[in-house]
Amino acid sequence: SEQIPQRLSFLFINNISSRWAALVVINMFLLVVGTFMDTTAAIIILVPVLMPVIKSFGIDPVHFGLIMILNLMIGLLTPPVGLVLYVLSGISNVPFERIAYAVLPYVFSLIVLLVFLTFVPEVCLFLPDMLFG
């Protein structure tokens, strides 16, 4: 009733002019959200808010979906609230801090992959474009 998603979309669209700047801001936002929020809940809440934004910038929804899932997955591996780290700690009986330190190289490589997929959308759109033209 307060139209918060529409207001946020309007604010985002009016303050960011470049498609690439929009993708960078969305990536940073989703990394933070993924760190503190469950993936399913984040998808249910944020897709209706962000879909008008990505459409206004001409971003392919398949590209955005891949970016969103990868961002939220990286958030699950990122301390301080990375839920996967707590599960690993509980199952393996290894201290949380040791696991958090051990996954840092993987998180770094996933962030490099995220940057690559964000700025080279043809990589993730090659197969859908080939199949559905």
C-alpha atoms as a PDB file:
ATOM      1  CA  SER A   1       0.000   0.000   0.000  1.00  0.00           C
ATOM      2  CA  GLU A   2       2.993   2.326   0.479  1.00  0.00           C
ATOM      3  CA  GLN A   3       4.348   1.478  -3.007  1.00  0.00           C
ATOM      4  CA  ILE A   4       7.857   1.065  -1.666  1.00  0.00           C
ATOM      5  CA  PRO A   5       9.073  -1.070  -4.626  1.00  0.00           C
ATOM      6  CA  GLN A   6       7.868   1.559  -7.101  1.00  0.00           C
ATOM      7  CA  ARG A   7       9.486   4.357  -5.120  1.00  0.00           C
ATOM      8  CA  LEU A   8      12.792   2.515  -4.877  1.00  0.00           C
ATOM      9  CA  SER A   9      12.750   1.738  -8.596  1.00  0.00           C
ATOM     10  CA  PHE A  10      11.973   5.364  -9.416  1.00  0.00           C
ATOM     11  CA  LEU A  11      14.767   6.589  -7.123  1.00  0.00           C
ATOM     12  CA  PHE A  12      17.245   4.136  -8.650  1.00  0.00           C
ATOM     13  CA  ILE A  13      16.326   4.949 -12.258  1.00  0.00           C
ATOM     14  CA  ASN A  14      16.532   8.724 -11.691  1.00  0.00           C
ATOM     15  CA  ASN A  15      19.911   8.684  -9.918  1.00  0.00           C
ATOM     16  CA  ILE A  16      21.906   6.275 -12.098  1.00  0.00           C
ATOM     17  CA  SER A  17      22.414   6.999 -15.770  1.00  0.00           C
ATOM     18  CA  SER A  18      24.649   4.184 -17.048  1.00  0.00           C
ATOM     19  CA  ARG A  19      23.774   0.534 -17.530  1.00  0.00           C
ATOM     20  CA  TRP A  20      27.178  -0.514 -16.194  1.00  0.00           C
ATOM     21  CA  ALA A  21      26.913   1.729 -13.136  1.00  0.00           C
ATOM     22  CA  ALA A  22      23.506   0.207 -12.450  1.00  0.00           C
ATOM     23  CA  LEU A  23      24.977  -3.290 -12.622  1.00  0.00           C
ATOM     24  CA  VAL A  24      27.805  -2.345 -10.250  1.00  0.00           C
ATOM     25  CA  VAL A  25      25.378  -0.834  -7.725  1.00  0.00           C
ATOM     26  CA  ILE A  26      23.066  -3.849  -7.990  1.00  0.00           C
ATOM     27  CA  ASN A  27      26.034  -6.206  -7.502  1.00  0.00           C
ATOM     28  CA  MET A  28      27.218  -4.396  -4.382  1.00  0.00           C
ATOM     29  CA  PHE A  29      23.673  -4.277  -2.997  1.00  0.00           C
ATOM     30  CA  LEU A  30      23.085  -7.986  -3.658  1.00  0.00           C
ATOM     31  CA  LEU A  31      26.401  -8.971  -2.074  1.00  0.00           C
ATOM     32  CA  VAL A  32      25.407  -7.181   1.118  1.00  0.00           C
ATOM     33  CA  VAL A  33      21.883  -8.622   1.038  1.00  0.00           C
ATOM     34  CA  GLY A  34      23.254 -12.119   0.395  1.00  0.00           C
ATOM     35  CA  THR A  35      25.499 -11.827   3.409  1.00  0.00           C
ATOM     36  CA  PHE A  36      22.670 -11.073   5.830  1.00  0.00           C
ATOM     37  CA  MET A  37      19.567 -12.648   4.270  1.00  0.00           C
ATOM     38  CA  ASP A  38      18.417 -16.062   3.162  1.00  0.00           C
ATOM     39  CA  THR A  39      18.623 -16.581  -0.602  1.00  0.00           C
ATOM     40  CA  THR A  40      15.005 -17.613  -1.164  1.00  0.00           C
ATOM     41  CA  ALA A  41      13.627 -14.693   0.810  1.00  0.00           C
ATOM     42  CA  ALA A  42      15.964 -12.266  -0.956  1.00  0.00           C
ATOM     43  CA  ILE A  43      14.814 -13.491  -4.366  1.00  0.00           C
ATOM     44  CA  ILE A  44      11.129 -13.267  -3.442  1.00  0.00           C
ATOM     45  CA  ILE A  45      11.511  -9.757  -2.044  1.00  0.00           C
ATOM     46  CA  LEU A  46      14.004  -8.220  -4.472  1.00  0.00           C
ATOM     47  CA  VAL A  47      13.047  -9.532  -7.918  1.00  0.00           C
ATOM     48  CA  PRO A  48       9.815  -7.489  -8.080  1.00  0.00           C
ATOM     49  CA  VAL A  49      11.745  -4.411  -6.969  1.00  0.00           C
ATOM     50  CA  LEU A  50      14.715  -4.823  -9.305  1.00  0.00           C
ATOM     51  CA  MET A  51      12.938  -6.128 -12.424  1.00  0.00           C
ATOM     52  CA  PRO A  52      11.614  -2.699 -13.522  1.00  0.00           C
ATOM     53  CA  VAL A  53      15.092  -1.273 -12.954  1.00  0.00           C
ATOM     54  CA  ILE A  54      16.844  -3.830 -15.137  1.00  0.00           C
ATOM     55  CA  LYS A  55      14.206  -3.479 -17.841  1.00  0.00           C
ATOM     56  CA  SER A  56      14.653   0.304 -17.886  1.00  0.00           C
ATOM     57  CA  PHE A  57      18.405  -0.121 -18.428  1.00  0.00           C
ATOM     58  CA  GLY A  58      17.945  -2.778 -21.116  1.00  0.00           C
ATOM     59  CA  ILE A  59      19.575  -5.565 -19.131  1.00  0.00           C
ATOM     60  CA  ASP A  60      18.621  -9.079 -20.200  1.00  0.00           C
ATOM     61  CA  PRO A  61      16.560 -10.868 -17.495  1.00  0.00           C
ATOM     62  CA  VAL A  62      18.579 -14.092 -17.940  1.00  0.00           C
ATOM     63  CA  HIS A  63      21.810 -12.138 -17.413  1.00  0.00           C
ATOM     64  CA  PHE A  64      20.339 -10.455 -14.343  1.00  0.00           C
ATOM     65  CA  GLY A  65      19.098 -13.794 -12.958  1.00  0.00           C
ATOM     66  CA  LEU A  66      22.551 -15.303 -13.207  1.00  0.00           C
ATOM     67  CA  ILE A  67      24.124 -12.257 -11.585  1.00  0.00           C
ATOM     68  CA  MET A  68      21.568 -12.276  -8.770  1.00  0.00           C
ATOM     69  CA  ILE A  69      22.014 -15.972  -7.965  1.00  0.00           C
ATOM     70  CA  LEU A  70      25.813 -15.710  -8.047  1.00  0.00           C
ATOM     71  CA  ASN A  71      25.749 -12.634  -5.788  1.00  0.00           C
ATOM     72  CA  LEU A  72      23.488 -14.308  -3.245  1.00  0.00           C
ATOM     73  CA  MET A  73      25.594 -17.484  -3.343  1.00  0.00           C
ATOM     74  CA  ILE A  74      28.742 -15.478  -2.639  1.00  0.00           C
ATOM     75  CA  GLY A  75      26.890 -13.865   0.258  1.00  0.00           C
ATOM     76  CA  LEU A  76      26.268 -17.303   1.763  1.00  0.00           C
ATOM     77  CA  LEU A  77      30.039 -17.821   1.937  1.00  0.00           C
ATOM     78  CA  THR A  78      30.880 -14.402   3.353  1.00  0.00           C
ATOM     79  CA  PRO A  79      31.344 -13.778   7.077  1.00  0.00           C
ATOM     80  CA  PRO A  80      29.982 -12.582   9.489  1.00  0.00           C
ATOM     81  CA  VAL A  81      26.605 -14.199   8.790  1.00  0.00           C
ATOM     82  CA  GLY A  82      27.510 -16.630   5.996  1.00  0.00           C
ATOM     83  CA  LEU A  83      25.053 -19.421   6.691  1.00  0.00           C
ATOM     84  CA  VAL A  84      27.053 -22.020   4.764  1.00  0.00           C
ATOM     85  CA  LEU A  85      30.063 -21.348   6.982  1.00  0.00           C
ATOM     86  CA  TYR A  86      28.063 -22.141  10.113  1.00  0.00           C
ATOM     87  CA  VAL A  87      26.767 -25.364   8.549  1.00  0.00           C
ATOM     88  CA  LEU A  88      30.317 -26.374   7.589  1.00  0.00           C
ATOM     89  CA  SER A  89      31.547 -25.556  11.069  1.00  0.00           C
ATOM     90  CA  GLY A  90      28.814 -27.610  12.710  1.00  0.00           C
ATOM     91  CA  ILE A  91      29.277 -30.643  10.481  1.00  0.00           C
ATOM     92  CA  SER A  92      33.068 -30.709  10.502  1.00  0.00           C
ATOM     93  CA  ASN A  93      33.629 -29.533  14.099  1.00  0.00           C
ATOM     94  CA  VAL A  94      36.148 -27.012  12.765  1.00  0.00           C
ATOM     95  CA  PRO A  95      36.016 -23.507  14.300  1.00  0.00           C
ATOM     96  CA  PHE A  96      34.075 -20.907  12.324  1.00  0.00           C
ATOM     97  CA  GLU A  97      37.059 -18.577  12.058  1.00  0.00           C
ATOM     98  CA  ARG A  98      39.235 -21.254  10.494  1.00  0.00           C
ATOM     99  CA  ILE A  99      36.586 -22.099   7.885  1.00  0.00           C
ATOM    100  CA  ALA A 100      35.980 -18.421   7.131  1.00  0.00           C
ATOM    101  CA  TYR A 101      39.691 -17.933   6.504  1.00  0.00           C
ATOM    102  CA  ALA A 102      39.899 -21.091   4.363  1.00  0.00           C
ATOM    103  CA  VAL A 103      37.104 -20.016   1.975  1.00  0.00           C
ATOM    104  CA  LEU A 104      38.569 -16.559   1.261  1.00  0.00           C
ATOM    105  CA  PRO A 105      40.448 -17.651  -1.898  1.00  0.00           C
ATOM    106  CA  TYR A 106      37.246 -19.195  -3.226  1.00  0.00           C
ATOM    107  CA  VAL A 107      35.214 -16.093  -2.436  1.00  0.00           C
ATOM    108  CA  PHE A 108      37.823 -13.978  -4.209  1.00  0.00           C
ATOM    109  CA  SER A 109      37.695 -16.216  -7.303  1.00  0.00           C
ATOM    110  CA  LEU A 110      33.876 -16.100  -7.284  1.00  0.00           C
ATOM    111  CA  ILE A 111      33.972 -12.295  -7.149  1.00  0.00           C
ATOM    112  CA  VAL A 112      36.340 -12.254 -10.132  1.00  0.00           C
ATOM    113  CA  LEU A 113      33.892 -14.532 -11.966  1.00  0.00           C
ATOM    114  CA  LEU A 114      31.015 -12.244 -10.981  1.00  0.00           C
ATOM    115  CA  VAL A 115      32.801  -9.184 -12.386  1.00  0.00           C
ATOM    116  CA  PHE A 116      33.568 -11.064 -15.594  1.00  0.00           C
ATOM    117  CA  LEU A 117      29.967 -12.245 -16.037  1.00  0.00           C
ATOM    118  CA  THR A 118      28.624  -8.796 -15.212  1.00  0.00           C
ATOM    119  CA  PHE A 119      30.664  -6.973 -17.831  1.00  0.00           C
ATOM    120  CA  VAL A 120      30.707  -9.702 -20.504  1.00  0.00           C
ATOM    121  CA  PRO A 121      27.039 -10.746 -20.696  1.00  0.00           C
ATOM    122  CA  GLU A 122      27.627 -12.659 -23.932  1.00  0.00           C
ATOM    123  CA  VAL A 123      29.258 -15.437 -21.893  1.00  0.00           C
ATOM    124  CA  CYS A 124      26.068 -16.293 -20.038  1.00  0.00           C
ATOM    125  CA  LEU A 125      23.727 -15.387 -22.914  1.00  0.00           C
ATOM    126  CA  PHE A 126      25.516 -17.413 -25.600  1.00  0.00           C
ATOM    127  CA  LEU A 127      23.503 -20.605 -25.145  1.00  0.00           C
ATOM    128  CA  PRO A 128      20.063 -18.980 -24.664  1.00  0.00           C
ATOM    129  CA  ASP A 129      20.668 -16.799 -27.718  1.00  0.00           C
ATOM    130  CA  MET A 130      21.735 -19.814 -29.742  1.00  0.00           C
ATOM    131  CA  LEU A 131      18.692 -21.855 -28.687  1.00  0.00           C
ATOM    132  CA  PHE A 132      16.007 -19.181 -28.750  1.00  0.00           C
ATOM    133  CA  GLY A 133      17.545 -16.708 -31.194  1.00  0.00           C
END
